Amino acid sequence: ALAVIGWDEAVATGGVVLAAVVNVVVIGI
């Protein structure tokens, strides 16, 4: 839920790919 809410800020900071990879990897692991 926090990843969804903070998505726009994460994308603005690191880009779509980095935001997606970090979220998927951290949550997946």
PDB file of all heavy atoms in Angstrom:
ATOM      1  N   ALA A   1       0.839  -1.209   0.000  1.00  0.00           N
ATOM      2  CA  ALA A   1       0.000   0.000   0.000  1.00  0.00           C
ATOM      3  C   ALA A   1       0.870   1.253   0.000  1.00  0.00           C
ATOM      4  O   ALA A   1       0.591   2.213  -0.735  1.00  0.00           O
ATOM      5  CB  ALA A   1      -0.935  -0.006   1.212  1.00  0.00           C
ATOM      6  N   LEU A   2       1.939   1.246   0.785  1.00  0.00           N
ATOM      7  CA  LEU A   2       2.850   2.393   0.818  1.00  0.00           C
ATOM      8  C   LEU A   2       3.553   2.590  -0.522  1.00  0.00           C
ATOM      9  O   LEU A   2       3.764   3.727  -0.957  1.00  0.00           O
ATOM     10  CB  LEU A   2       3.881   2.213   1.939  1.00  0.00           C
ATOM     11  CG  LEU A   2       3.334   2.368   3.358  1.00  0.00           C
ATOM     12  CD1 LEU A   2       4.307   1.802   4.379  1.00  0.00           C
ATOM     13  CD2 LEU A   2       3.013   3.817   3.655  1.00  0.00           C
ATOM     14  N   ALA A   3       3.888   1.485  -1.180  1.00  0.00           N
ATOM     15  CA  ALA A   3       4.519   1.581  -2.500  1.00  0.00           C
ATOM     16  C   ALA A   3       3.568   2.210  -3.519  1.00  0.00           C
ATOM     17  O   ALA A   3       3.978   3.019  -4.353  1.00  0.00           O
ATOM     18  CB  ALA A   3       4.963   0.195  -2.975  1.00  0.00           C
ATOM     19  N   VAL A   4       2.298   1.847  -3.430  1.00  0.00           N
ATOM     20  CA  VAL A   4       1.295   2.417  -4.339  1.00  0.00           C
ATOM     21  C   VAL A   4       1.098   3.904  -4.044  1.00  0.00           C
ATOM     22  O   VAL A   4       1.101   4.738  -4.953  1.00  0.00           O
ATOM     23  CB  VAL A   4      -0.040   1.644  -4.235  1.00  0.00           C
ATOM     24  CG1 VAL A   4      -1.157   2.364  -4.972  1.00  0.00           C
ATOM     25  CG2 VAL A   4       0.130   0.219  -4.764  1.00  0.00           C
ATOM     26  N   ILE A   5       0.951   4.228  -2.761  1.00  0.00           N
ATOM     27  CA  ILE A   5       0.727   5.631  -2.384  1.00  0.00           C
ATOM     28  C   ILE A   5       1.935   6.498  -2.754  1.00  0.00           C
ATOM     29  O   ILE A   5       1.788   7.621  -3.218  1.00  0.00           O
ATOM     30  CB  ILE A   5       0.413   5.741  -0.876  1.00  0.00           C
ATOM     31  CG1 ILE A   5      -0.933   5.082  -0.564  1.00  0.00           C
ATOM     32  CG2 ILE A   5       0.413   7.198  -0.417  1.00  0.00           C
ATOM     33  CD1 ILE A   5      -1.207   4.910   0.925  1.00  0.00           C
ATOM     34  N   GLY A   6       3.127   5.965  -2.544  1.00  0.00           N
ATOM     35  CA  GLY A   6       4.333   6.736  -2.800  1.00  0.00           C
ATOM     36  C   GLY A   6       4.923   6.559  -4.184  1.00  0.00           C
ATOM     37  O   GLY A   6       6.059   6.976  -4.449  1.00  0.00           O
ATOM     38  N   TRP A   7       4.164   5.926  -5.092  1.00  0.00           N
ATOM     39  CA  TRP A   7       4.669   5.608  -6.423  1.00  0.00           C
ATOM     40  C   TRP A   7       5.159   6.841  -7.191  1.00  0.00           C
ATOM     41  O   TRP A   7       6.264   6.834  -7.748  1.00  0.00           O
ATOM     42  CB  TRP A   7       3.607   4.862  -7.228  1.00  0.00           C
ATOM     43  CG  TRP A   7       4.074   4.528  -8.611  1.00  0.00           C
ATOM     44  CD1 TRP A   7       3.676   5.116  -9.765  1.00  0.00           C
ATOM     45  CD2 TRP A   7       5.041   3.537  -8.967  1.00  0.00           C
ATOM     46  NE1 TRP A   7       4.333   4.546 -10.837  1.00  0.00           N
ATOM     47  CE2 TRP A   7       5.176   3.578 -10.368  1.00  0.00           C
ATOM     48  CE3 TRP A   7       5.805   2.628  -8.246  1.00  0.00           C
ATOM     49  CZ2 TRP A   7       6.049   2.742 -11.056  1.00  0.00           C
ATOM     50  CZ3 TRP A   7       6.664   1.800  -8.927  1.00  0.00           C
ATOM     51  CH2 TRP A   7       6.788   1.855 -10.319  1.00  0.00           C
ATOM     52  N   ASP A   8       4.359   7.884  -7.230  1.00  0.00           N
ATOM     53  CA  ASP A   8       4.731   9.073  -8.003  1.00  0.00           C
ATOM     54  C   ASP A   8       6.046   9.676  -7.512  1.00  0.00           C
ATOM     55  O   ASP A   8       6.901  10.064  -8.309  1.00  0.00           O
ATOM     56  CB  ASP A   8       3.617  10.128  -7.960  1.00  0.00           C
ATOM     57  CG  ASP A   8       2.386   9.698  -8.743  1.00  0.00           C
ATOM     58  OD1 ASP A   8       2.528   8.849  -9.648  1.00  0.00           O
ATOM     59  OD2 ASP A   8       1.290  10.198  -8.443  1.00  0.00           O
ATOM     60  N   GLU A   9       6.215   9.732  -6.198  1.00  0.00           N
ATOM     61  CA  GLU A   9       7.455  10.279  -5.643  1.00  0.00           C
ATOM     62  C   GLU A   9       8.647   9.374  -5.953  1.00  0.00           C
ATOM     63  O   GLU A   9       9.741   9.848  -6.271  1.00  0.00           O
ATOM     64  CB  GLU A   9       7.325  10.466  -4.137  1.00  0.00           C
ATOM     65  CG  GLU A   9       8.531  11.146  -3.515  1.00  0.00           C
ATOM     66  CD  GLU A   9       8.367  11.395  -2.028  1.00  0.00           C
ATOM     67  OE1 GLU A   9       7.224  11.420  -1.535  1.00  0.00           O
ATOM     68  OE2 GLU A   9       9.393  11.569  -1.368  1.00  0.00           O
ATOM     69  N   ALA A  10       8.440   8.057  -5.871  1.00  0.00           N
ATOM     70  CA  ALA A  10       9.520   7.112  -6.183  1.00  0.00           C
ATOM     71  C   ALA A  10       9.935   7.218  -7.642  1.00  0.00           C
ATOM     72  O   ALA A  10      11.123   7.189  -7.963  1.00  0.00           O
ATOM     73  CB  ALA A  10       9.072   5.681  -5.859  1.00  0.00           C
ATOM     74  N   VAL A  11       8.963   7.356  -8.530  1.00  0.00           N
ATOM     75  CA  VAL A  11       9.252   7.500  -9.957  1.00  0.00           C
ATOM     76  C   VAL A  11       9.987   8.816 -10.218  1.00  0.00           C
ATOM     77  O   VAL A  11      10.952   8.867 -10.991  1.00  0.00           O
ATOM     78  CB  VAL A  11       7.950   7.404 -10.795  1.00  0.00           C
ATOM     79  CG1 VAL A  11       8.190   7.825 -12.238  1.00  0.00           C
ATOM     80  CG2 VAL A  11       7.395   5.991 -10.737  1.00  0.00           C
ATOM     81  N   ALA A  12       9.564   9.883  -9.560  1.00  0.00           N
ATOM     82  CA  ALA A  12      10.218  11.177  -9.734  1.00  0.00           C
ATOM     83  C   ALA A  12      11.663  11.140  -9.244  1.00  0.00           C
ATOM     84  O   ALA A  12      12.536  11.802  -9.802  1.00  0.00           O
ATOM     85  CB  ALA A  12       9.440  12.260  -8.999  1.00  0.00           C
ATOM     86  N   THR A  13      11.919  10.342  -8.227  1.00  0.00           N
ATOM     87  CA  THR A  13      13.264  10.253  -7.654  1.00  0.00           C
ATOM     88  C   THR A  13      14.194   9.379  -8.487  1.00  0.00           C
ATOM     89  O   THR A  13      15.328   9.758  -8.758  1.00  0.00           O
ATOM     90  CB  THR A  13      13.204   9.697  -6.217  1.00  0.00           C
ATOM     91  OG1 THR A  13      12.369  10.546  -5.445  1.00  0.00           O
ATOM     92  CG2 THR A  13      14.578   9.613  -5.594  1.00  0.00           C
ATOM     93  N   GLY A  14      13.718   8.189  -8.900  1.00  0.00           N
ATOM     94  CA  GLY A  14      14.625   7.239  -9.555  1.00  0.00           C
ATOM     95  C   GLY A  14      14.179   6.722 -10.896  1.00  0.00           C
ATOM     96  O   GLY A  14      14.884   5.920 -11.509  1.00  0.00           O
ATOM     97  N   GLY A  15      12.998   7.104 -11.342  1.00  0.00           N
ATOM     98  CA  GLY A  15      12.489   6.596 -12.606  1.00  0.00           C
ATOM     99  C   GLY A  15      11.608   5.374 -12.402  1.00  0.00           C
ATOM    100  O   GLY A  15      11.642   4.731 -11.354  1.00  0.00           O
ATOM    101  N   VAL A  16      10.853   5.075 -13.429  1.00  0.00           N
ATOM    102  CA  VAL A  16       9.875   3.975 -13.352  1.00  0.00           C
ATOM    103  C   VAL A  16      10.559   2.635 -13.131  1.00  0.00           C
ATOM    104  O   VAL A  16      10.148   1.844 -12.276  1.00  0.00           O
ATOM    105  CB  VAL A  16       9.012   3.930 -14.637  1.00  0.00           C
ATOM    106  CG1 VAL A  16       8.101   2.713 -14.626  1.00  0.00           C
ATOM    107  CG2 VAL A  16       8.203   5.195 -14.784  1.00  0.00           C
ATOM    108  N   VAL A  17      11.614   2.366 -13.887  1.00  0.00           N
ATOM    109  CA  VAL A  17      12.265   1.053 -13.809  1.00  0.00           C
ATOM    110  C   VAL A  17      12.853   0.828 -12.424  1.00  0.00           C
ATOM    111  O   VAL A  17      12.628  -0.221 -11.812  1.00  0.00           O
ATOM    112  CB  VAL A  17      13.349   0.912 -14.905  1.00  0.00           C
ATOM    113  CG1 VAL A  17      14.126  -0.377 -14.725  1.00  0.00           C
ATOM    114  CG2 VAL A  17      12.708   0.965 -16.281  1.00  0.00           C
ATOM    115  N   LEU A  18      13.594   1.792 -11.928  1.00  0.00           N
ATOM    116  CA  LEU A  18      14.206   1.643 -10.611  1.00  0.00           C
ATOM    117  C   LEU A  18      13.143   1.488  -9.525  1.00  0.00           C
ATOM    118  O   LEU A  18      13.257   0.620  -8.653  1.00  0.00           O
ATOM    119  CB  LEU A  18      15.114   2.827 -10.297  1.00  0.00           C
ATOM    120  CG  LEU A  18      15.851   2.748  -8.958  1.00  0.00           C
ATOM    121  CD1 LEU A  18      16.778   1.528  -8.936  1.00  0.00           C
ATOM    122  CD2 LEU A  18      16.629   4.020  -8.699  1.00  0.00           C
ATOM    123  N   ALA A  19      12.097   2.302  -9.570  1.00  0.00           N
ATOM    124  CA  ALA A  19      11.026   2.221  -8.577  1.00  0.00           C
ATOM    125  C   ALA A  19      10.359   0.846  -8.610  1.00  0.00           C
ATOM    126  O   ALA A  19      10.123   0.236  -7.560  1.00  0.00           O
ATOM    127  CB  ALA A  19       9.995   3.321  -8.819  1.00  0.00           C
ATOM    128  N   ALA A  20      10.080   0.354  -9.809  1.00  0.00           N
ATOM    129  CA  ALA A  20       9.430  -0.952  -9.938  1.00  0.00           C
ATOM    130  C   ALA A  20      10.344  -2.079  -9.459  1.00  0.00           C
ATOM    131  O   ALA A  20       9.913  -2.957  -8.703  1.00  0.00           O
ATOM    132  CB  ALA A  20       9.012  -1.186 -11.390  1.00  0.00           C
ATOM    133  N   VAL A  21      11.592  -2.047  -9.886  1.00  0.00           N
ATOM    134  CA  VAL A  21      12.526  -3.118  -9.514  1.00  0.00           C
ATOM    135  C   VAL A  21      12.744  -3.147  -8.004  1.00  0.00           C
ATOM    136  O   VAL A  21      12.688  -4.217  -7.390  1.00  0.00           O
ATOM    137  CB  VAL A  21      13.863  -2.969 -10.279  1.00  0.00           C
ATOM    138  CG1 VAL A  21      14.932  -3.884  -9.698  1.00  0.00           C
ATOM    139  CG2 VAL A  21      13.659  -3.253 -11.759  1.00  0.00           C
ATOM    140  N   VAL A  22      12.994  -1.999  -7.408  1.00  0.00           N
ATOM    141  CA  VAL A  22      13.227  -1.952  -5.962  1.00  0.00           C
ATOM    142  C   VAL A  22      12.014  -2.480  -5.204  1.00  0.00           C
ATOM    143  O   VAL A  22      12.142  -3.317  -4.305  1.00  0.00           O
ATOM    144  CB  VAL A  22      13.600  -0.526  -5.503  1.00  0.00           C
ATOM    145  CG1 VAL A  22      13.555  -0.407  -3.981  1.00  0.00           C
ATOM    146  CG2 VAL A  22      14.975  -0.145  -6.027  1.00  0.00           C
ATOM    147  N   ASN A  23      10.816  -2.022  -5.572  1.00  0.00           N
ATOM    148  CA  ASN A  23       9.609  -2.484  -4.881  1.00  0.00           C
ATOM    149  C   ASN A  23       9.383  -3.975  -5.053  1.00  0.00           C
ATOM    150  O   ASN A  23       9.111  -4.687  -4.084  1.00  0.00           O
ATOM    151  CB  ASN A  23       8.380  -1.694  -5.352  1.00  0.00           C
ATOM    152  CG  ASN A  23       8.282  -0.346  -4.702  1.00  0.00           C
ATOM    153  OD1 ASN A  23       8.356  -0.231  -3.485  1.00  0.00           O
ATOM    154  ND2 ASN A  23       8.131   0.695  -5.498  1.00  0.00           N
ATOM    155  N   VAL A  24       9.506  -4.463  -6.266  1.00  0.00           N
ATOM    156  CA  VAL A  24       9.267  -5.891  -6.523  1.00  0.00           C
ATOM    157  C   VAL A  24      10.307  -6.753  -5.810  1.00  0.00           C
ATOM    158  O   VAL A  24       9.964  -7.762  -5.189  1.00  0.00           O
ATOM    159  CB  VAL A  24       9.245  -6.182  -8.043  1.00  0.00           C
ATOM    160  CG1 VAL A  24       9.305  -7.667  -8.316  1.00  0.00           C
ATOM    161  CG2 VAL A  24       8.002  -5.571  -8.674  1.00  0.00           C
ATOM    162  N   VAL A  25      11.564  -6.347  -5.876  1.00  0.00           N
ATOM    163  CA  VAL A  25      12.625  -7.140  -5.239  1.00  0.00           C
ATOM    164  C   VAL A  25      12.469  -7.148  -3.723  1.00  0.00           C
ATOM    165  O   VAL A  25      12.503  -8.213  -3.095  1.00  0.00           O
ATOM    166  CB  VAL A  25      14.020  -6.626  -5.662  1.00  0.00           C
ATOM    167  CG1 VAL A  25      15.123  -7.237  -4.811  1.00  0.00           C
ATOM    168  CG2 VAL A  25      14.264  -6.921  -7.136  1.00  0.00           C
ATOM    169  N   VAL A  26      12.293  -5.980  -3.121  1.00  0.00           N
ATOM    170  CA  VAL A  26      12.180  -5.912  -1.657  1.00  0.00           C
ATOM    171  C   VAL A  26      10.950  -6.674  -1.164  1.00  0.00           C
ATOM    172  O   VAL A  26      11.041  -7.493  -0.243  1.00  0.00           O
ATOM    173  CB  VAL A  26      12.156  -4.446  -1.175  1.00  0.00           C
ATOM    174  CG1 VAL A  26      11.766  -4.361   0.298  1.00  0.00           C
ATOM    175  CG2 VAL A  26      13.501  -3.791  -1.406  1.00  0.00           C
ATOM    176  N   ILE A  27       9.817  -6.432  -1.781  1.00  0.00           N
ATOM    177  CA  ILE A  27       8.585  -7.112  -1.356  1.00  0.00           C
ATOM    178  C   ILE A  27       8.674  -8.609  -1.648  1.00  0.00           C
ATOM    179  O   ILE A  27       8.291  -9.434  -0.823  1.00  0.00           O
ATOM    180  CB  ILE A  27       7.352  -6.466  -2.015  1.00  0.00           C
ATOM    181  CG1 ILE A  27       7.168  -5.048  -1.455  1.00  0.00           C
ATOM    182  CG2 ILE A  27       6.100  -7.300  -1.791  1.00  0.00           C
ATOM    183  CD1 ILE A  27       6.192  -4.180  -2.224  1.00  0.00           C
ATOM    184  N   GLY A  28       9.209  -8.966  -2.805  1.00  0.00           N
ATOM    185  CA  GLY A  28       9.341 -10.377  -3.169  1.00  0.00           C
ATOM    186  C   GLY A  28      10.265 -11.138  -2.240  1.00  0.00           C
ATOM    187  O   GLY A  28       9.942 -12.242  -1.776  1.00  0.00           O
ATOM    188  N   ILE A  29      11.425 -10.568  -1.946  1.00  0.00           N
ATOM    189  CA  ILE A  29      12.369 -11.234  -1.040  1.00  0.00           C
ATOM    190  C   ILE A  29      11.769 -11.364   0.354  1.00  0.00           C
ATOM    191  O   ILE A  29      11.877 -12.413   0.989  1.00  0.00           O
ATOM    192  CB  ILE A  29      13.719 -10.484  -1.006  1.00  0.00           C
ATOM    193  CG1 ILE A  29      14.465 -10.713  -2.323  1.00  0.00           C
ATOM    194  CG2 ILE A  29      14.568 -10.917   0.186  1.00  0.00           C
ATOM    195  CD1 ILE A  29      15.730  -9.893  -2.475  1.00  0.00           C
TER     196      ILE A  29
END
